[in-house]
PDB file of N, CA and C in Angstrom:
ATOM      1  N   MET A   1      21.653 -19.020 -13.242  1.00  0.00           N
ATOM      2  CA  MET A   1      21.380 -19.818 -14.428  1.00  0.00           C
ATOM      3  C   MET A   1      20.174 -20.515 -14.195  1.00  0.00           C
ATOM      4  N   VAL A   2      19.405 -20.533 -15.079  1.00  0.00           N
ATOM      5  CA  VAL A   2      17.877 -21.141 -15.192  1.00  0.00           C
ATOM      6  C   VAL A   2      17.978 -22.652 -14.996  1.00  0.00           C
ATOM      7  N   PHE A   3      18.692 -23.295 -15.938  1.00  0.00           N
ATOM      8  CA  PHE A   3      18.631 -24.767 -16.067  1.00  0.00           C
ATOM      9  C   PHE A   3      20.139 -25.478 -15.249  1.00  0.00           C
ATOM     10  N   GLY A   4      20.331 -25.017 -13.980  1.00  0.00           N
ATOM     11  CA  GLY A   4      21.330 -25.665 -13.614  1.00  0.00           C
ATOM     12  C   GLY A   4      21.135 -26.806 -12.774  1.00  0.00           C
ATOM     13  N   ARG A   5      22.269 -27.203 -12.152  1.00  0.00           N
ATOM     14  CA  ARG A   5      22.160 -28.632 -11.661  1.00  0.00           C
ATOM     15  C   ARG A   5      22.201 -28.354 -10.005  1.00  0.00           C
ATOM     16  N   ASP A   6      21.125 -29.006  -9.128  1.00  0.00           N
ATOM     17  CA  ASP A   6      21.331 -28.948  -7.756  1.00  0.00           C
ATOM     18  C   ASP A   6      22.373 -29.704  -7.229  1.00  0.00           C
ATOM     19  N   SER A   7      23.274 -29.040  -6.462  1.00  0.00           N
ATOM     20  CA  SER A   7      24.398 -29.842  -5.988  1.00  0.00           C
ATOM     21  C   SER A   7      24.162 -30.916  -5.241  1.00  0.00           C
ATOM     22  N   GLU A   8      23.184 -31.190  -4.578  1.00  0.00           N
ATOM     23  CA  GLU A   8      22.815 -32.255  -3.694  1.00  0.00           C
ATOM     24  C   GLU A   8      22.090 -33.294  -4.435  1.00  0.00           C
ATOM     25  N   SER A   9      21.237 -33.226  -5.180  1.00  0.00           N
ATOM     26  CA  SER A   9      20.604 -34.282  -5.985  1.00  0.00           C
ATOM     27  C   SER A   9      20.925 -34.616  -7.405  1.00  0.00           C
ATOM     28  N   GLY A  10      21.555 -33.582  -7.768  1.00  0.00           N
ATOM     29  CA  GLY A  10      22.363 -33.672  -9.314  1.00  0.00           C
ATOM     30  C   GLY A  10      21.151 -33.399 -10.437  1.00  0.00           C
ATOM     31  N   SER A  11      19.788 -33.028  -9.923  1.00  0.00           N
ATOM     32  CA  SER A  11      18.537 -32.880 -10.816  1.00  0.00           C
ATOM     33  C   SER A  11      18.568 -31.468 -11.437  1.00  0.00           C
ATOM     34  N   PRO A  12      18.049 -31.142 -12.417  1.00  0.00           N
ATOM     35  CA  PRO A  12      18.038 -29.719 -12.765  1.00  0.00           C
ATOM     36  C   PRO A  12      17.141 -28.964 -12.087  1.00  0.00           C
ATOM     37  N   ARG A  13      17.450 -27.699 -11.859  1.00  0.00           N
ATOM     38  CA  ARG A  13      16.792 -27.015 -10.976  1.00  0.00           C
ATOM     39  C   ARG A  13      16.008 -26.077 -12.295  1.00  0.00           C
ATOM     40  N   TYR A  14      14.679 -25.908 -11.934  1.00  0.00           N
ATOM     41  CA  TYR A  14      13.989 -24.807 -12.654  1.00  0.00           C
ATOM     42  C   TYR A  14      13.516 -23.917 -11.846  1.00  0.00           C
ATOM     43  N   GLY A  15      13.590 -22.430 -12.301  1.00  0.00           N
ATOM     44  CA  GLY A  15      13.019 -21.450 -11.530  1.00  0.00           C
ATOM     45  C   GLY A  15      14.015 -20.802 -10.794  1.00  0.00           C
ATOM     46  N   SER A  16      15.363 -20.987 -10.989  1.00  0.00           N
ATOM     47  CA  SER A  16      16.237 -20.407 -10.166  1.00  0.00           C
ATOM     48  C   SER A  16      17.057 -18.888 -10.750  1.00  0.00           C
ATOM     49  N   GLY A  17      16.248 -18.620 -11.989  1.00  0.00           N
ATOM     50  CA  GLY A  17      16.707 -17.478 -12.635  1.00  0.00           C
ATOM     51  C   GLY A  17      16.209 -16.238 -11.947  1.00  0.00           C
ATOM     52  N   GLY A  18      16.308 -15.073 -12.323  1.00  0.00           N
ATOM     53  CA  GLY A  18      16.001 -13.782 -11.940  1.00  0.00           C
ATOM     54  C   GLY A  18      14.476 -13.718 -12.084  1.00  0.00           C
ATOM     55  N   MET A  19      14.113 -13.865 -13.393  1.00  0.00           N
ATOM     56  CA  MET A  19      12.486 -13.801 -13.771  1.00  0.00           C
ATOM     57  C   MET A  19      11.634 -14.801 -12.950  1.00  0.00           C
ATOM     58  N   SER A  20      12.242 -16.149 -12.765  1.00  0.00           N
ATOM     59  CA  SER A  20      11.479 -16.914 -11.905  1.00  0.00           C
ATOM     60  C   SER A  20      11.159 -16.580 -10.451  1.00  0.00           C
ATOM     61  N   ARG A  21      12.168 -15.945 -10.265  1.00  0.00           N
ATOM     62  CA  ARG A  21      12.248 -15.494  -8.694  1.00  0.00           C
ATOM     63  C   ARG A  21      11.243 -14.259  -8.514  1.00  0.00           C
ATOM     64  N   ILE A  22      11.314 -13.523  -9.436  1.00  0.00           N
ATOM     65  CA  ILE A  22      10.430 -12.399  -9.651  1.00  0.00           C
ATOM     66  C   ILE A  22       8.985 -12.735  -9.849  1.00  0.00           C
ATOM     67  N   ILE A  23       8.492 -13.598 -10.451  1.00  0.00           N
ATOM     68  CA  ILE A  23       7.150 -14.009 -10.645  1.00  0.00           C
ATOM     69  C   ILE A  23       6.686 -15.142  -9.843  1.00  0.00           C
ATOM     70  N   GLY A  24       7.695 -15.889  -9.169  1.00  0.00           N
ATOM     71  CA  GLY A  24       7.436 -16.802  -8.221  1.00  0.00           C
ATOM     72  C   GLY A  24       7.384 -18.182  -8.872  1.00  0.00           C
ATOM     73  N   GLY A  25       7.931 -18.273  -9.809  1.00  0.00           N
ATOM     74  CA  GLY A  25       8.054 -19.847 -10.417  1.00  0.00           C
ATOM     75  C   GLY A  25       8.359 -19.715 -11.542  1.00  0.00           C
ATOM     76  N   SER A  26       8.082 -20.911 -12.289  1.00  0.00           N
ATOM     77  CA  SER A  26       8.335 -20.833 -13.836  1.00  0.00           C
ATOM     78  C   SER A  26       7.427 -20.140 -14.488  1.00  0.00           C
ATOM     79  N   PRO A  27       7.782 -19.540 -15.678  1.00  0.00           N
ATOM     80  CA  PRO A  27       6.962 -18.695 -16.242  1.00  0.00           C
ATOM     81  C   PRO A  27       5.672 -19.571 -16.783  1.00  0.00           C
ATOM     82  N   LEU A  28       5.729 -20.845 -17.247  1.00  0.00           N
ATOM     83  CA  LEU A  28       4.444 -21.370 -17.694  1.00  0.00           C
ATOM     84  C   LEU A  28       3.756 -21.615 -16.613  1.00  0.00           C
ATOM     85  N   GLY A  29       4.205 -22.257 -15.463  1.00  0.00           N
ATOM     86  CA  GLY A  29       3.573 -22.835 -14.464  1.00  0.00           C
ATOM     87  C   GLY A  29       2.623 -21.470 -13.778  1.00  0.00           C
ATOM     88  N   VAL A  30       3.288 -20.413 -13.698  1.00  0.00           N
ATOM     89  CA  VAL A  30       2.761 -19.253 -13.184  1.00  0.00           C
ATOM     90  C   VAL A  30       1.546 -18.937 -14.184  1.00  0.00           C
ATOM     91  N   ILE A  31       1.574 -19.001 -15.464  1.00  0.00           N
ATOM     92  CA  ILE A  31       0.595 -18.603 -16.500  1.00  0.00           C
ATOM     93  C   ILE A  31      -0.710 -19.478 -16.164  1.00  0.00           C
ATOM     94  N   VAL A  32      -0.433 -20.741 -16.189  1.00  0.00           N
ATOM     95  CA  VAL A  32      -1.350 -21.627 -15.781  1.00  0.00           C
ATOM     96  C   VAL A  32      -2.041 -21.477 -14.688  1.00  0.00           C
ATOM     97  N   ARG A  33      -1.238 -21.098 -13.453  1.00  0.00           N
ATOM     98  CA  ARG A  33      -1.978 -21.020 -12.100  1.00  0.00           C
ATOM     99  C   ARG A  33      -3.014 -19.921 -12.314  1.00  0.00           C
ATOM    100  N   LEU A  34      -2.237 -18.791 -12.944  1.00  0.00           N
ATOM    101  CA  LEU A  34      -3.193 -17.656 -12.839  1.00  0.00           C
ATOM    102  C   LEU A  34      -4.441 -17.571 -13.729  1.00  0.00           C
ATOM    103  N   ALA A  35      -4.280 -18.487 -14.988  1.00  0.00           N
ATOM    104  CA  ALA A  35      -5.595 -18.550 -15.775  1.00  0.00           C
ATOM    105  C   ALA A  35      -6.460 -19.421 -15.026  1.00  0.00           C
ATOM    106  N   LEU A  36      -6.008 -20.450 -14.153  1.00  0.00           N
ATOM    107  CA  LEU A  36      -6.889 -21.277 -13.486  1.00  0.00           C
ATOM    108  C   LEU A  36      -7.851 -20.485 -12.490  1.00  0.00           C
ATOM    109  N   LEU A  37      -6.989 -19.696 -11.662  1.00  0.00           N
ATOM    110  CA  LEU A  37      -7.497 -18.655 -10.748  1.00  0.00           C
ATOM    111  C   LEU A  37      -8.314 -17.738 -11.257  1.00  0.00           C
ATOM    112  N   CYS A  38      -7.951 -17.129 -12.538  1.00  0.00           N
ATOM    113  CA  CYS A  38      -9.031 -16.120 -13.149  1.00  0.00           C
ATOM    114  C   CYS A  38     -10.578 -16.988 -13.374  1.00  0.00           C
ATOM    115  N   VAL A  39     -10.320 -18.021 -13.984  1.00  0.00           N
ATOM    116  CA  VAL A  39     -11.553 -18.969 -14.156  1.00  0.00           C
ATOM    117  C   VAL A  39     -12.295 -19.247 -13.027  1.00  0.00           C
ATOM    118  N   ILE A  40     -11.808 -19.515 -11.791  1.00  0.00           N
ATOM    119  CA  ILE A  40     -12.521 -19.947 -10.700  1.00  0.00           C
ATOM    120  C   ILE A  40     -13.044 -18.679 -10.148  1.00  0.00           C
ATOM    121  N   VAL A  41     -12.498 -17.537 -10.023  1.00  0.00           N
ATOM    122  CA  VAL A  41     -12.827 -16.310  -9.540  1.00  0.00           C
ATOM    123  C   VAL A  41     -13.973 -15.634 -10.423  1.00  0.00           C
ATOM    124  N   GLY A  42     -13.795 -15.476 -11.738  1.00  0.00           N
ATOM    125  CA  GLY A  42     -14.957 -15.250 -12.718  1.00  0.00           C
ATOM    126  C   GLY A  42     -16.228 -16.272 -12.502  1.00  0.00           C
ATOM    127  N   LEU A  43     -15.965 -17.615 -12.101  1.00  0.00           N
ATOM    128  CA  LEU A  43     -17.116 -18.288 -11.985  1.00  0.00           C
ATOM    129  C   LEU A  43     -17.800 -17.938 -10.754  1.00  0.00           C
ATOM    130  N   VAL A  44     -17.236 -17.697  -9.725  1.00  0.00           N
ATOM    131  CA  VAL A  44     -17.672 -17.412  -8.508  1.00  0.00           C
ATOM    132  C   VAL A  44     -18.372 -15.939  -8.464  1.00  0.00           C
ATOM    133  N   LEU A  45     -17.787 -14.756  -9.348  1.00  0.00           N
ATOM    134  CA  LEU A  45     -18.426 -13.557  -9.160  1.00  0.00           C
ATOM    135  C   LEU A  45     -19.728 -13.612 -10.261  1.00  0.00           C
ATOM    136  N   ASP A  46     -19.584 -14.592 -11.047  1.00  0.00           N
ATOM    137  CA  ASP A  46     -21.122 -14.616 -11.886  1.00  0.00           C
ATOM    138  C   ASP A  46     -21.778 -15.240 -11.215  1.00  0.00           C
ATOM    139  N   GLN A  47     -21.662 -16.303 -10.304  1.00  0.00           N
ATOM    140  CA  GLN A  47     -22.597 -16.981  -9.405  1.00  0.00           C
ATOM    141  C   GLN A  47     -23.265 -15.900  -8.349  1.00  0.00           C
ATOM    142  N   LEU A  48     -22.616 -15.032  -7.938  1.00  0.00           N
ATOM    143  CA  LEU A  48     -22.770 -13.983  -6.985  1.00  0.00           C
ATOM    144  C   LEU A  48     -23.495 -12.682  -7.651  1.00  0.00           C
ATOM    145  N   HIS A  49     -23.645 -12.918  -9.055  1.00  0.00           N
ATOM    146  CA  HIS A  49     -24.067 -11.786  -9.989  1.00  0.00           C
ATOM    147  C   HIS A  49     -23.398 -10.770  -9.618  1.00  0.00           C
ATOM    148  N   LEU A  50     -22.248 -10.718  -9.676  1.00  0.00           N
ATOM    149  CA  LEU A  50     -21.391  -9.442  -9.671  1.00  0.00           C
ATOM    150  C   LEU A  50     -20.635  -9.043 -10.978  1.00  0.00           C
ATOM    151  N   ASP A  51     -20.913  -8.149 -11.407  1.00  0.00           N
ATOM    152  CA  ASP A  51     -20.235  -7.473 -12.726  1.00  0.00           C
ATOM    153  C   ASP A  51     -19.041  -6.821 -12.479  1.00  0.00           C
ATOM    154  N   ALA A  52     -17.860  -7.068 -13.330  1.00  0.00           N
ATOM    155  CA  ALA A  52     -16.453  -6.474 -13.170  1.00  0.00           C
ATOM    156  C   ALA A  52     -16.659  -4.836 -13.270  1.00  0.00           C
ATOM    157  N   PHE A  53     -17.426  -4.462 -14.326  1.00  0.00           N
ATOM    158  CA  PHE A  53     -17.441  -3.174 -14.397  1.00  0.00           C
ATOM    159  C   PHE A  53     -18.226  -2.214 -13.238  1.00  0.00           C
ATOM    160  N   GLU A  54     -19.277  -3.067 -12.465  1.00  0.00           N
ATOM    161  CA  GLU A  54     -19.952  -2.706 -11.309  1.00  0.00           C
ATOM    162  C   GLU A  54     -18.947  -2.590 -10.090  1.00  0.00           C
ATOM    163  N   LEU A  55     -17.981  -3.562  -9.949  1.00  0.00           N
ATOM    164  CA  LEU A  55     -17.100  -3.616  -9.005  1.00  0.00           C
ATOM    165  C   LEU A  55     -16.163  -2.582  -9.238  1.00  0.00           C
ATOM    166  N   PHE A  56     -15.604  -2.195 -10.349  1.00  0.00           N
ATOM    167  CA  PHE A  56     -14.716  -1.180 -10.720  1.00  0.00           C
ATOM    168  C   PHE A  56     -15.652   0.140 -10.342  1.00  0.00           C
ATOM    169  N   ARG A  57     -16.783   0.310 -10.796  1.00  0.00           N
ATOM    170  CA  ARG A  57     -17.543   1.720 -10.388  1.00  0.00           C
ATOM    171  C   ARG A  57     -17.646   1.712  -9.282  1.00  0.00           C
ATOM    172  N   TRP A  58     -17.919   0.721  -8.190  1.00  0.00           N
ATOM    173  CA  TRP A  58     -17.843   0.925  -6.730  1.00  0.00           C
ATOM    174  C   TRP A  58     -16.542   1.240  -6.248  1.00  0.00           C
ATOM    175  N   ALA A  59     -15.386   0.615  -6.801  1.00  0.00           N
ATOM    176  CA  ALA A  59     -14.141   0.946  -6.161  1.00  0.00           C
ATOM    177  C   ALA A  59     -13.739   2.579  -6.466  1.00  0.00           C
ATOM    178  N   MET A  60     -14.321   2.968  -7.584  1.00  0.00           N
ATOM    179  CA  MET A  60     -13.823   4.225  -8.045  1.00  0.00           C
ATOM    180  C   MET A  60     -14.791   5.331  -7.048  1.00  0.00           C
ATOM    181  N   ASP A  61     -16.191   4.867  -7.030  1.00  0.00           N
ATOM    182  CA  ASP A  61     -16.922   5.614  -5.830  1.00  0.00           C
ATOM    183  C   ASP A  61     -16.288   5.795  -4.534  1.00  0.00           C
ATOM    184  N   ALA A  62     -16.006   4.666  -3.952  1.00  0.00           N
ATOM    185  CA  ALA A  62     -15.212   4.397  -2.676  1.00  0.00           C
ATOM    186  C   ALA A  62     -14.069   5.257  -2.615  1.00  0.00           C
ATOM    187  N   LEU A  63     -13.057   5.232  -3.579  1.00  0.00           N
ATOM    188  CA  LEU A  63     -11.937   6.031  -3.585  1.00  0.00           C
ATOM    189  C   LEU A  63     -12.303   7.606  -3.578  1.00  0.00           C
ATOM    190  N   GLU A  64     -13.384   7.750  -4.501  1.00  0.00           N
ATOM    191  CA  GLU A  64     -13.792   9.464  -4.358  1.00  0.00           C
ATOM    192  C   GLU A  64     -14.286   9.717  -3.033  1.00  0.00           C
ATOM    193  N   ASP A  65     -14.932   9.022  -2.624  1.00  0.00           N
ATOM    194  CA  ASP A  65     -15.522   9.422  -1.123  1.00  0.00           C
ATOM    195  C   ASP A  65     -14.287   9.329  -0.089  1.00  0.00           C
ATOM    196  N   LEU A  66     -13.515   8.321  -0.270  1.00  0.00           N
ATOM    197  CA  LEU A  66     -12.279   8.486   0.552  1.00  0.00           C
ATOM    198  C   LEU A  66     -11.568  10.110   0.521  1.00  0.00           C
ATOM    199  N   ILE A  67     -11.335  10.423  -0.588  1.00  0.00           N
ATOM    200  CA  ILE A  67     -10.550  11.643  -0.917  1.00  0.00           C
ATOM    201  C   ILE A  67     -11.422  12.846  -0.742  1.00  0.00           C
ATOM    202  N   ARG A  68     -12.789  12.777  -0.895  1.00  0.00           N
ATOM    203  CA  ARG A  68     -13.643  13.804  -0.572  1.00  0.00           C
ATOM    204  C   ARG A  68     -13.604  14.053   1.116  1.00  0.00           C
ATOM    205  N   ASN A  69     -13.678  12.838   1.970  1.00  0.00           N
ATOM    206  CA  ASN A  69     -13.540  12.686   3.186  1.00  0.00           C
ATOM    207  C   ASN A  69     -12.409  13.163   4.004  1.00  0.00           C
ATOM    208  N   SER A  70     -11.160  12.717   3.495  1.00  0.00           N
ATOM    209  CA  SER A  70     -10.008  12.974   3.806  1.00  0.00           C
ATOM    210  C   SER A  70      -9.766  14.657   3.785  1.00  0.00           C
ATOM    211  N   ALA A  71     -10.286  15.166   2.856  1.00  0.00           N
ATOM    212  CA  ALA A  71      -9.748  16.579   2.594  1.00  0.00           C
ATOM    213  C   ALA A  71     -10.575  17.290   3.841  1.00  0.00           C
ATOM    214  N   ASP A  72     -11.899  16.573   3.985  1.00  0.00           N
ATOM    215  CA  ASP A  72     -12.562  17.407   5.260  1.00  0.00           C
ATOM    216  C   ASP A  72     -11.736  17.129   6.408  1.00  0.00           C
ATOM    217  N   VAL A  73     -10.994  16.002   6.796  1.00  0.00           N
ATOM    218  CA  VAL A  73     -10.548  15.594   7.875  1.00  0.00           C
ATOM    219  C   VAL A  73      -8.897  16.500   8.025  1.00  0.00           C
ATOM    220  N   LEU A  74      -8.392  16.654   6.834  1.00  0.00           N
ATOM    221  CA  LEU A  74      -7.294  17.296   6.621  1.00  0.00           C
ATOM    222  C   LEU A  74      -7.403  18.905   7.058  1.00  0.00           C
ATOM    223  N   LYS A  75      -8.796  19.436   6.548  1.00  0.00           N
ATOM    224  CA  LYS A  75      -9.249  20.912   7.056  1.00  0.00           C
ATOM    225  C   LYS A  75      -9.344  20.925   8.444  1.00  0.00           C
ATOM    226  N   LEU A  76     -10.012  20.019   8.942  1.00  0.00           N
ATOM    227  CA  LEU A  76     -10.156  19.949  10.569  1.00  0.00           C
ATOM    228  C   LEU A  76      -8.873  19.882  11.370  1.00  0.00           C
ATOM    229  N   ILE A  77      -7.904  19.092  10.845  1.00  0.00           N
ATOM    230  CA  ILE A  77      -6.595  18.876  11.505  1.00  0.00           C
ATOM    231  C   ILE A  77      -5.767  20.129  11.294  1.00  0.00           C
ATOM    232  N   GLY A  78      -6.034  20.788  10.330  1.00  0.00           N
ATOM    233  CA  GLY A  78      -5.290  22.234   9.938  1.00  0.00           C
ATOM    234  C   GLY A  78      -5.747  23.075  10.713  1.00  0.00           C
ATOM    235  N   ARG A  79      -7.083  23.315  10.920  1.00  0.00           N
ATOM    236  CA  ARG A  79      -7.709  24.006  11.827  1.00  0.00           C
ATOM    237  C   ARG A  79      -7.312  24.058  13.341  1.00  0.00           C
ATOM    238  N   TYR A  80      -7.222  22.684  13.703  1.00  0.00           N
ATOM    239  CA  TYR A  80      -6.853  22.316  15.148  1.00  0.00           C
ATOM    240  C   TYR A  80      -5.419  22.896  15.298  1.00  0.00           C
ATOM    241  N   PHE A  81      -4.413  22.526  14.184  1.00  0.00           N
ATOM    242  CA  PHE A  81      -3.001  22.843  14.363  1.00  0.00           C
ATOM    243  C   PHE A  81      -2.836  24.463  14.550  1.00  0.00           C
ATOM    244  N   LEU A  82      -3.521  25.270  13.668  1.00  0.00           N
ATOM    245  CA  LEU A  82      -3.624  26.677  13.707  1.00  0.00           C
ATOM    246  C   LEU A  82      -3.788  27.165  15.246  1.00  0.00           C
ATOM    247  N   ILE A  83      -4.840  26.632  15.651  1.00  0.00           N
ATOM    248  CA  ILE A  83      -5.714  27.033  17.021  1.00  0.00           C
ATOM    249  C   ILE A  83      -4.565  26.738  17.963  1.00  0.00           C
ATOM    250  N   GLY A  84      -4.152  25.628  18.024  1.00  0.00           N
ATOM    251  CA  GLY A  84      -3.034  25.124  18.696  1.00  0.00           C
ATOM    252  C   GLY A  84      -1.592  25.764  18.884  1.00  0.00           C
ATOM    253  N   ALA A  85      -1.483  26.049  17.642  1.00  0.00           N
ATOM    254  CA  ALA A  85      -0.127  27.045  17.430  1.00  0.00           C
ATOM    255  C   ALA A  85      -0.275  28.437  17.847  1.00  0.00           C
ATOM    256  N   MET A  86      -1.374  28.935  17.805  1.00  0.00           N
ATOM    257  CA  MET A  86      -1.691  30.306  18.492  1.00  0.00           C
ATOM    258  C   MET A  86      -1.260  30.301  19.587  1.00  0.00           C
ATOM    259  N   VAL A  87      -1.363  29.257  20.609  1.00  0.00           N
ATOM    260  CA  VAL A  87      -1.136  29.289  22.007  1.00  0.00           C
ATOM    261  C   VAL A  87       0.305  28.518  22.171  1.00  0.00           C
ATOM    262  N   VAL A  88       0.809  27.613  21.580  1.00  0.00           N
ATOM    263  CA  VAL A  88       1.920  26.869  21.876  1.00  0.00           C
ATOM    264  C   VAL A  88       3.197  27.764  21.474  1.00  0.00           C
ATOM    265  N   ILE A  89       3.143  28.376  20.249  1.00  0.00           N
ATOM    266  CA  ILE A  89       4.261  29.111  19.749  1.00  0.00           C
ATOM    267  C   ILE A  89       4.614  30.386  20.806  1.00  0.00           C
ATOM    268  N   PRO A  90       3.870  31.040  20.878  1.00  0.00           N
ATOM    269  CA  PRO A  90       4.178  32.261  21.958  1.00  0.00           C
ATOM    270  C   PRO A  90       4.519  31.688  23.417  1.00  0.00           C
ATOM    271  N   VAL A  91       3.825  30.711  23.832  1.00  0.00           N
ATOM    272  CA  VAL A  91       4.481  30.228  25.155  1.00  0.00           C
ATOM    273  C   VAL A  91       5.831  29.638  24.935  1.00  0.00           C
ATOM    274  N   TRP A  92       5.862  28.841  24.138  1.00  0.00           N
ATOM    275  CA  TRP A  92       7.365  28.404  23.811  1.00  0.00           C
ATOM    276  C   TRP A  92       8.341  29.598  23.596  1.00  0.00           C
ATOM    277  N   ILE A  93       7.931  30.822  23.027  1.00  0.00           N
ATOM    278  CA  ILE A  93       8.962  31.744  22.699  1.00  0.00           C
ATOM    279  C   ILE A  93       9.325  32.506  24.095  1.00  0.00           C
ATOM    280  N   VAL A  94       8.262  32.550  24.733  1.00  0.00           N
ATOM    281  CA  VAL A  94       8.466  33.251  26.231  1.00  0.00           C
ATOM    282  C   VAL A  94       9.204  32.407  26.939  1.00  0.00           C
ATOM    283  N   LEU A  95       9.158  31.033  27.171  1.00  0.00           N
ATOM    284  CA  LEU A  95       9.787  30.157  27.886  1.00  0.00           C
ATOM    285  C   LEU A  95      11.357  30.275  27.331  1.00  0.00           C
ATOM    286  N   ARG A  96      11.535  30.314  26.065  1.00  0.00           N
ATOM    287  CA  ARG A  96      12.982  30.385  25.477  1.00  0.00           C
ATOM    288  C   ARG A  96      13.639  31.773  25.944  1.00  0.00           C
ATOM    289  N   VAL A  97      12.949  32.745  25.966  1.00  0.00           N
ATOM    290  CA  VAL A  97      13.577  34.168  26.414  1.00  0.00           C
ATOM    291  C   VAL A  97      13.722  33.969  27.865  1.00  0.00           C
ATOM    292  N   LEU A  98      12.963  33.377  28.776  1.00  0.00           N
ATOM    293  CA  LEU A  98      13.208  33.343  30.107  1.00  0.00           C
ATOM    294  C   LEU A  98      14.602  32.396  30.462  1.00  0.00           C
ATOM    295  N   ARG A  99      14.438  31.255  29.572  1.00  0.00           N
ATOM    296  CA  ARG A  99      15.483  30.326  30.024  1.00  0.00           C
ATOM    297  C   ARG A  99      16.941  31.002  29.614  1.00  0.00           C
ATOM    298  N   VAL A 100      16.918  31.758  28.562  1.00  0.00           N
ATOM    299  CA  VAL A 100      18.166  32.548  27.929  1.00  0.00           C
ATOM    300  C   VAL A 100      18.414  33.602  28.817  1.00  0.00           C
ATOM    301  N   GLY A 101      17.523  34.332  29.356  1.00  0.00           N
ATOM    302  CA  GLY A 101      17.712  35.384  30.342  1.00  0.00           C
ATOM    303  C   GLY A 101      18.282  35.006  31.572  1.00  0.00           C
ATOM    304  N   SER A 102      17.877  33.762  32.155  1.00  0.00           N
ATOM    305  CA  SER A 102      18.259  33.237  33.407  1.00  0.00           C
ATOM    306  C   SER A 102      19.763  32.505  33.233  1.00  0.00           C
ATOM    307  N   GLY A 103      20.341  32.366  32.076  1.00  0.00           N
ATOM    308  CA  GLY A 103      21.619  31.826  31.963  1.00  0.00           C
ATOM    309  C   GLY A 103      21.734  30.332  31.700  1.00  0.00           C
ATOM    310  N   ARG A 104      20.402  29.663  31.729  1.00  0.00           N
ATOM    311  CA  ARG A 104      20.629  28.261  31.489  1.00  0.00           C
ATOM    312  C   ARG A 104      20.412  27.712  30.215  1.00  0.00           C
ATOM    313  N   ARG A 105      20.646  26.821  29.661  1.00  0.00           N
ATOM    314  CA  ARG A 105      20.312  26.156  28.530  1.00  0.00           C
ATOM    315  C   ARG A 105      19.611  25.075  28.256  1.00  0.00           C
TER     316      ARG A 105
END
């Protein structure tokens, strides 16, 4: 219940509902805090001569570089995996065959 009574003080409790728990407080209070934060961040970014679209473009370029570089890393890891598997798998098979042949498990 959003407007319930606190059992200890008898005062109304605001923000005890599901929506208030999800967003972190009363909806109006959260909207006011977010609006104030947006104005402050906008002012700081403007003073630093940073454009939101430029920041977005930078983030997209960084994500693109990350994907491109991670593909190269995955290729390298795959290559190392295949080279190692060419040695490890036959050795493992030989050891399993020898272990089964000796009667141990």
